[in-house]
Amino acid sequence: MSKSIAWLRAARLRTLPLSLSGIIVGTAMADREGMFMAHVFILALLTTVAFQVLSNFANDYGDGVKGTDNDTRIGPQRAVQSGVLTSKEMKIGVLISAIVGLALASVLIYVAFGQEQWGYVFIFFVLGLLSIIAAITYTVGGKAYGYRGLGDVFVFIFFGLLAVLGSQFLYTKHLLWQDWLPAITIGAFSTAVLNLNNIRDYDSDKTSKKRTLVVSMGVKRAKGYHNALILLGMLCAILYAIFTFEGYTNFLFVLAFVPLALHLKRFNGIQEAKSYDPELKKVALSTFLYAVLFYLGFNIFL
């Protein structure tokens, strides 16, 4: 494998649809208020991509140097694990992607708030820095929170609440109580993807002393938790459509629940760890489909 291919694989482009889902939903809520701005949308997408790539590079580096990524791991082989990229090279990749992400976030914040709303500029700049720190410290460092069972909390906050509500606020400069419902939906579905990943890696994580929430609660309870996350996301999405009802196309996103329901049927019957891997893509793409249909149902087909 060439280094260029290794970098591309380390970026894990298949994770991007999930990370973009929160931006799409937040933008949809702003658009239905007539506050869409194309340049903010594009910058928000680019910033999110940069942060996701940063997170993937940092995860590759952190798990690689800790030895968590080894021959017993079921998922795709990582760049540092394979030896194609050295830990030093990946560390440089983490630094560069962090700089790019911070630069894009700074431009996005300035474009959204200008020179007259420095309070918001400061708050969102801090949130941007926290996002970078969270992306890196998930697996990097002696106190990596991904090794202490806190990954689910951070994914719910950063992929769900911050992605949806933060992106919406960039346009509208305000939040309504019902706006939290789609944010919870994206957060729950995103956390479900992480939970699936951790169920798949249960044996290798336990051996490597990576104490994920799944390692702490066991696979059986983790499967119940996974079902609860999916159902919570569905419930919050439906409640939002009811509370903000403008037409039946608002429920267009329900079509995304079909593959999610099929996923749960398949998921609950799985016995072998390797069989969980294909389910990761199903939940991630279903979340992206939900986001796209949410946008269409509230703004295009209404």
Protein backbone atom coordinates (compact mmCIF):
# COMPACT_ATOMS: atom_id res chain seq x y z
CA MET A 1 0.00 0.00 0.00
CA SER A 2 1.37 3.45 -0.94
CA LYS A 3 1.53 6.26 1.60
CA SER A 4 -1.03 8.31 -0.35
CA ILE A 5 -3.54 5.45 -0.15
CA ALA A 6 -2.71 5.01 3.54
CA TRP A 7 -3.46 8.68 4.23
CA LEU A 8 -6.73 8.40 2.32
CA ARG A 9 -7.74 5.35 4.31
CA ALA A 10 -6.69 6.99 7.56
CA ALA A 11 -9.02 9.89 6.73
CA ARG A 12 -11.82 7.28 6.72
CA LEU A 13 -14.04 9.06 4.22
CA ARG A 14 -16.88 6.66 4.99
CA THR A 15 -17.34 8.47 8.31
CA LEU A 16 -18.01 11.83 6.65
CA PRO A 17 -21.76 11.38 5.91
CA LEU A 18 -22.42 10.86 9.61
CA SER A 19 -20.47 13.97 10.63
CA LEU A 20 -22.25 16.09 7.99
CA SER A 21 -25.71 15.01 9.16
CA GLY A 22 -25.80 17.44 12.08
CA ILE A 23 -24.88 20.39 9.86
CA ILE A 24 -27.60 19.48 7.36
CA VAL A 25 -30.28 19.22 10.06
CA GLY A 26 -29.20 22.48 11.75
CA THR A 27 -29.21 24.24 8.40
CA ALA A 28 -32.65 22.82 7.60
CA MET A 29 -34.09 24.32 10.78
CA ALA A 30 -32.56 27.69 9.95
CA ASP A 31 -33.78 27.51 6.36
CA ARG A 32 -37.37 26.93 7.43
CA GLU A 33 -37.07 30.27 9.24
CA GLY A 34 -35.83 31.87 6.02
CA MET A 35 -32.29 32.39 7.30
CA PHE A 36 -30.22 30.17 5.00
CA MET A 37 -26.82 31.53 3.91
CA ALA A 38 -24.95 29.50 1.30
CA HIS A 39 -21.48 30.69 2.32
CA VAL A 40 -22.09 29.75 5.97
CA PHE A 41 -23.38 26.33 4.90
CA ILE A 42 -20.32 25.62 2.74
CA LEU A 43 -17.89 26.77 5.43
CA ALA A 44 -19.72 24.72 8.07
CA LEU A 45 -19.46 21.60 5.91
CA LEU A 46 -15.74 22.17 5.26
CA THR A 47 -15.05 22.79 8.95
CA THR A 48 -16.89 19.63 9.92
CA VAL A 49 -14.97 17.58 7.37
CA ALA A 50 -11.68 18.96 8.71
CA PHE A 51 -12.65 18.12 12.30
CA GLN A 52 -13.75 14.62 11.31
CA VAL A 53 -10.49 13.94 9.48
CA LEU A 54 -8.61 15.28 12.50
CA SER A 55 -10.56 12.92 14.75
CA ASN A 56 -9.83 9.96 12.47
CA PHE A 57 -6.10 10.74 12.28
CA ALA A 58 -5.92 11.18 16.06
CA ASN A 59 -7.80 7.93 16.61
CA ASP A 60 -5.43 6.10 14.26
CA TYR A 61 -2.45 7.57 16.10
CA GLY A 62 -3.76 7.07 19.64
CA ASP A 63 -4.90 3.48 19.25
CA GLY A 64 -1.79 2.71 17.20
CA VAL A 65 0.77 3.84 19.76
CA LYS A 66 -1.22 2.25 22.62
CA GLY A 67 -1.31 -1.08 20.81
CA THR A 68 -5.10 -1.21 20.83
CA ASP A 69 -5.07 -1.64 17.06
CA ASN A 70 -3.58 -5.09 16.66
CA ASP A 71 -4.09 -8.34 14.78
CA THR A 72 -7.14 -9.24 16.87
CA ARG A 73 -9.05 -6.15 15.75
CA ILE A 74 -11.97 -6.97 13.44
CA GLY A 75 -12.45 -3.63 11.64
CA PRO A 76 -10.42 -2.16 8.76
CA GLN A 77 -6.66 -2.09 9.34
CA ARG A 78 -5.36 1.31 10.44
CA ALA A 79 -2.41 3.19 8.93
CA VAL A 80 -0.15 3.19 12.01
CA GLN A 81 -1.15 -0.38 12.85
CA SER A 82 -0.14 -1.55 9.36
CA GLY A 83 3.23 0.21 9.56
CA VAL A 84 2.71 2.05 6.26
CA LEU A 85 2.67 5.32 8.19
CA THR A 86 4.83 5.86 11.25
CA SER A 87 3.44 7.30 14.46
CA LYS A 88 5.56 10.41 13.84
CA GLU A 89 4.04 10.91 10.39
CA MET A 90 0.55 10.48 11.76
CA LYS A 91 1.30 12.92 14.56
CA ILE A 92 2.24 15.50 11.92
CA GLY A 93 -1.01 14.70 10.11
CA VAL A 94 -2.95 15.35 13.31
CA LEU A 95 -1.21 18.71 13.76
CA ILE A 96 -1.82 19.83 10.18
CA SER A 97 -5.48 18.81 10.21
CA ALA A 98 -5.94 20.62 13.55
CA ILE A 99 -4.50 23.82 12.08
CA VAL A 100 -6.68 23.54 8.97
CA GLY A 101 -9.76 22.86 11.09
CA LEU A 102 -9.08 25.83 13.37
CA ALA A 103 -8.48 28.12 10.38
CA LEU A 104 -11.75 27.07 8.73
CA ALA A 105 -13.65 27.41 12.01
CA SER A 106 -12.25 30.91 12.50
CA VAL A 107 -13.35 32.00 9.03
CA LEU A 108 -16.79 30.44 9.55
CA ILE A 109 -17.26 32.20 12.90
CA TYR A 110 -16.16 35.58 11.50
CA VAL A 111 -18.42 35.26 8.45
CA ALA A 112 -21.41 34.26 10.58
CA PHE A 113 -21.07 36.91 13.28
CA GLY A 114 -18.94 39.69 11.76
CA GLN A 115 -17.28 42.37 13.83
CA GLU A 116 -20.31 43.44 15.84
CA GLN A 117 -21.03 40.26 17.82
CA TRP A 118 -17.74 39.55 19.56
CA GLY A 119 -19.46 37.74 22.41
CA TYR A 120 -20.70 35.08 20.01
CA VAL A 121 -17.33 35.07 18.23
CA PHE A 122 -15.57 34.30 21.50
CA ILE A 123 -18.04 31.58 22.54
CA PHE A 124 -17.87 29.78 19.20
CA PHE A 125 -14.10 30.10 19.01
CA VAL A 126 -13.88 28.39 22.40
CA LEU A 127 -16.29 25.72 21.17
CA GLY A 128 -14.06 25.23 18.14
CA LEU A 129 -11.01 24.76 20.35
CA LEU A 130 -12.93 22.32 22.55
CA SER A 131 -13.94 20.36 19.45
CA ILE A 132 -10.30 20.05 18.43
CA ILE A 133 -9.25 19.01 21.93
CA ALA A 134 -12.08 16.47 22.09
CA ALA A 135 -11.14 15.04 18.68
CA ILE A 136 -7.54 14.52 19.77
CA THR A 137 -7.96 13.38 23.36
CA TYR A 138 -10.49 10.67 22.52
CA THR A 139 -7.61 8.19 22.21
CA VAL A 140 -4.45 10.31 22.60
CA GLY A 141 -2.74 10.82 25.94
CA GLY A 142 -2.62 9.06 29.28
CA LYS A 143 -6.11 10.25 30.20
CA ALA A 144 -7.82 9.63 26.85
CA TYR A 145 -11.55 9.75 27.59
CA GLY A 146 -12.31 7.04 25.02
CA TYR A 147 -10.45 4.64 27.32
CA ARG A 148 -12.56 5.66 30.30
CA GLY A 149 -16.05 5.02 28.92
CA LEU A 150 -16.79 8.66 28.10
CA GLY A 151 -16.76 8.41 24.32
CA ASP A 152 -20.55 8.10 24.11
CA VAL A 153 -21.08 11.32 26.06
CA PHE A 154 -18.71 13.31 23.88
CA VAL A 155 -20.12 11.92 20.62
CA PHE A 156 -23.65 12.78 21.74
CA ILE A 157 -22.61 16.32 22.60
CA PHE A 158 -20.31 17.13 19.67
CA PHE A 159 -21.94 15.13 16.85
CA GLY A 160 -25.47 15.79 18.07
CA LEU A 161 -26.14 18.83 20.23
CA LEU A 162 -23.26 21.04 19.13
CA ALA A 163 -23.40 20.09 15.45
CA VAL A 164 -27.15 20.69 15.09
CA LEU A 165 -27.76 23.55 17.50
CA GLY A 166 -24.41 25.20 16.83
CA SER A 167 -24.87 25.21 13.07
CA GLN A 168 -28.44 26.48 13.39
CA PHE A 169 -27.31 29.30 15.70
CA LEU A 170 -24.74 30.42 13.12
CA TYR A 171 -27.67 31.42 10.92
CA THR A 172 -30.45 32.38 13.31
CA LYS A 173 -28.63 33.65 16.43
CA HIS A 174 -31.34 32.05 18.56
CA LEU A 175 -32.65 28.65 19.67
CA LEU A 176 -36.15 27.36 20.40
CA TRP A 177 -36.92 24.57 22.85
CA GLN A 178 -38.12 22.19 20.12
CA ASP A 179 -34.81 22.59 18.27
CA TRP A 180 -33.26 20.27 20.83
CA LEU A 181 -35.31 17.34 19.54
CA PRO A 182 -33.57 16.88 16.15
CA ALA A 183 -30.26 17.51 17.91
CA ILE A 184 -31.03 14.62 20.27
CA THR A 185 -31.96 12.48 17.25
CA ILE A 186 -28.61 13.06 15.53
CA GLY A 187 -26.79 12.63 18.84
CA ALA A 188 -28.56 9.34 19.58
CA PHE A 189 -27.94 7.90 16.11
CA SER A 190 -24.28 9.01 16.16
CA THR A 191 -23.79 7.47 19.59
CA ALA A 192 -25.38 4.27 18.27
CA VAL A 193 -22.69 4.12 15.58
CA LEU A 194 -19.97 4.41 18.22
CA ASN A 195 -21.70 1.80 20.36
CA LEU A 196 -21.80 -0.59 17.41
CA ASN A 197 -18.11 -0.01 16.84
CA ASN A 198 -17.38 -0.76 20.49
CA ILE A 199 -19.54 -3.89 20.52
CA ARG A 200 -17.61 -5.15 17.50
CA ASP A 201 -14.30 -4.38 19.23
CA TYR A 202 -15.35 -5.68 22.64
CA ASP A 203 -12.82 -8.51 22.85
CA SER A 204 -9.81 -6.53 21.59
CA ASP A 205 -10.72 -3.46 23.68
CA LYS A 206 -11.05 -5.57 26.82
CA THR A 207 -7.70 -7.22 26.17
CA SER A 208 -6.08 -3.83 25.51
CA LYS A 209 -7.68 -2.34 28.64
CA LYS A 210 -9.63 0.18 26.61
CA ARG A 211 -12.55 0.56 28.99
CA THR A 212 -15.34 1.63 26.67
CA LEU A 213 -18.92 1.75 27.90
CA VAL A 214 -19.48 -1.62 26.23
CA VAL A 215 -16.56 -3.15 28.12
CA SER A 216 -18.01 -1.78 31.35
CA MET A 217 -21.61 -2.95 30.84
CA GLY A 218 -21.07 -6.07 28.73
CA VAL A 219 -22.36 -6.91 25.26
CA LYS A 220 -25.86 -7.96 26.34
CA ARG A 221 -26.62 -4.65 28.05
CA ALA A 222 -24.86 -2.75 25.26
CA LYS A 223 -27.29 -4.30 22.77
CA GLY A 224 -30.23 -3.10 24.85
CA TYR A 225 -28.62 0.34 25.06
CA HIS A 226 -28.22 0.35 21.27
CA ASN A 227 -31.91 -0.37 20.74
CA ALA A 228 -32.79 2.43 23.16
CA LEU A 229 -30.59 4.92 21.30
CA ILE A 230 -32.21 4.17 17.94
CA LEU A 231 -35.72 4.32 19.36
CA LEU A 232 -34.97 7.55 21.25
CA GLY A 233 -33.73 9.14 18.04
CA MET A 234 -36.85 8.08 16.17
CA LEU A 235 -39.16 9.34 18.94
CA CYS A 236 -37.52 12.77 19.14
CA ALA A 237 -37.66 13.16 15.36
CA ILE A 238 -41.38 12.37 15.27
CA LEU A 239 -42.11 14.68 18.22
CA TYR A 240 -40.34 17.55 16.44
CA ALA A 241 -42.45 17.02 13.31
CA ILE A 242 -45.62 17.01 15.42
CA PHE A 243 -44.74 20.14 17.40
CA THR A 244 -43.70 22.09 14.27
CA PHE A 245 -46.26 20.60 11.88
CA GLU A 246 -46.76 22.54 8.66
CA GLY A 247 -47.63 19.73 6.28
CA TYR A 248 -47.37 15.98 5.91
CA THR A 249 -44.10 16.27 4.01
CA ASN A 250 -42.58 17.15 7.40
CA PHE A 251 -42.71 13.40 8.05
CA LEU A 252 -40.73 12.52 4.92
CA PHE A 253 -37.75 11.58 7.12
CA VAL A 254 -39.71 8.56 8.40
CA LEU A 255 -38.53 6.77 5.24
CA ALA A 256 -35.06 6.70 6.83
CA PHE A 257 -36.50 4.66 9.69
CA VAL A 258 -37.13 1.69 7.36
CA PRO A 259 -33.42 0.77 7.03
CA LEU A 260 -32.96 1.51 10.72
CA ALA A 261 -35.76 -0.90 11.62
CA LEU A 262 -34.25 -3.54 9.35
CA HIS A 263 -30.91 -2.88 11.00
CA LEU A 264 -32.35 -3.51 14.47
CA LYS A 265 -33.92 -6.75 13.31
CA ARG A 266 -30.56 -7.90 11.94
CA PHE A 267 -28.57 -6.48 14.87
CA ASN A 268 -30.55 -8.25 17.57
CA GLY A 269 -29.89 -11.61 15.96
CA ILE A 270 -26.13 -11.23 15.55
CA GLN A 271 -23.93 -13.64 17.48
CA GLU A 272 -20.46 -13.18 15.92
CA ALA A 273 -18.49 -9.96 16.46
CA LYS A 274 -17.44 -9.63 12.82
CA SER A 275 -21.09 -9.44 11.76
CA TYR A 276 -21.48 -6.08 13.50
CA ASP A 277 -19.08 -4.34 11.11
CA PRO A 278 -21.50 -4.00 8.14
CA GLU A 279 -24.14 -2.59 10.49
CA LEU A 280 -21.95 0.45 11.20
CA LYS A 281 -22.35 1.68 7.63
CA LYS A 282 -26.10 1.03 7.68
CA VAL A 283 -26.70 3.22 10.73
CA ALA A 284 -24.35 5.97 9.53
CA LEU A 285 -25.93 6.15 6.08
CA SER A 286 -29.44 5.94 7.55
CA THR A 287 -28.58 8.94 9.74
CA PHE A 288 -27.39 10.84 6.68
CA LEU A 289 -30.57 9.84 4.82
CA TYR A 290 -32.63 11.11 7.77
CA ALA A 291 -30.81 14.45 7.59
CA VAL A 292 -31.35 14.84 3.84
CA LEU A 293 -35.04 13.85 4.03
CA PHE A 294 -35.47 16.17 7.03
CA TYR A 295 -34.18 19.04 4.90
CA LEU A 296 -36.36 18.12 1.93
CA GLY A 297 -39.47 17.57 4.02
CA PHE A 298 -39.28 20.89 5.83
CA ASN A 299 -37.97 23.13 3.06
CA ILE A 300 -38.20 21.76 -0.48
CA PHE A 301 -41.35 19.66 -0.81
CA LEU A 302 -43.48 21.63 1.65
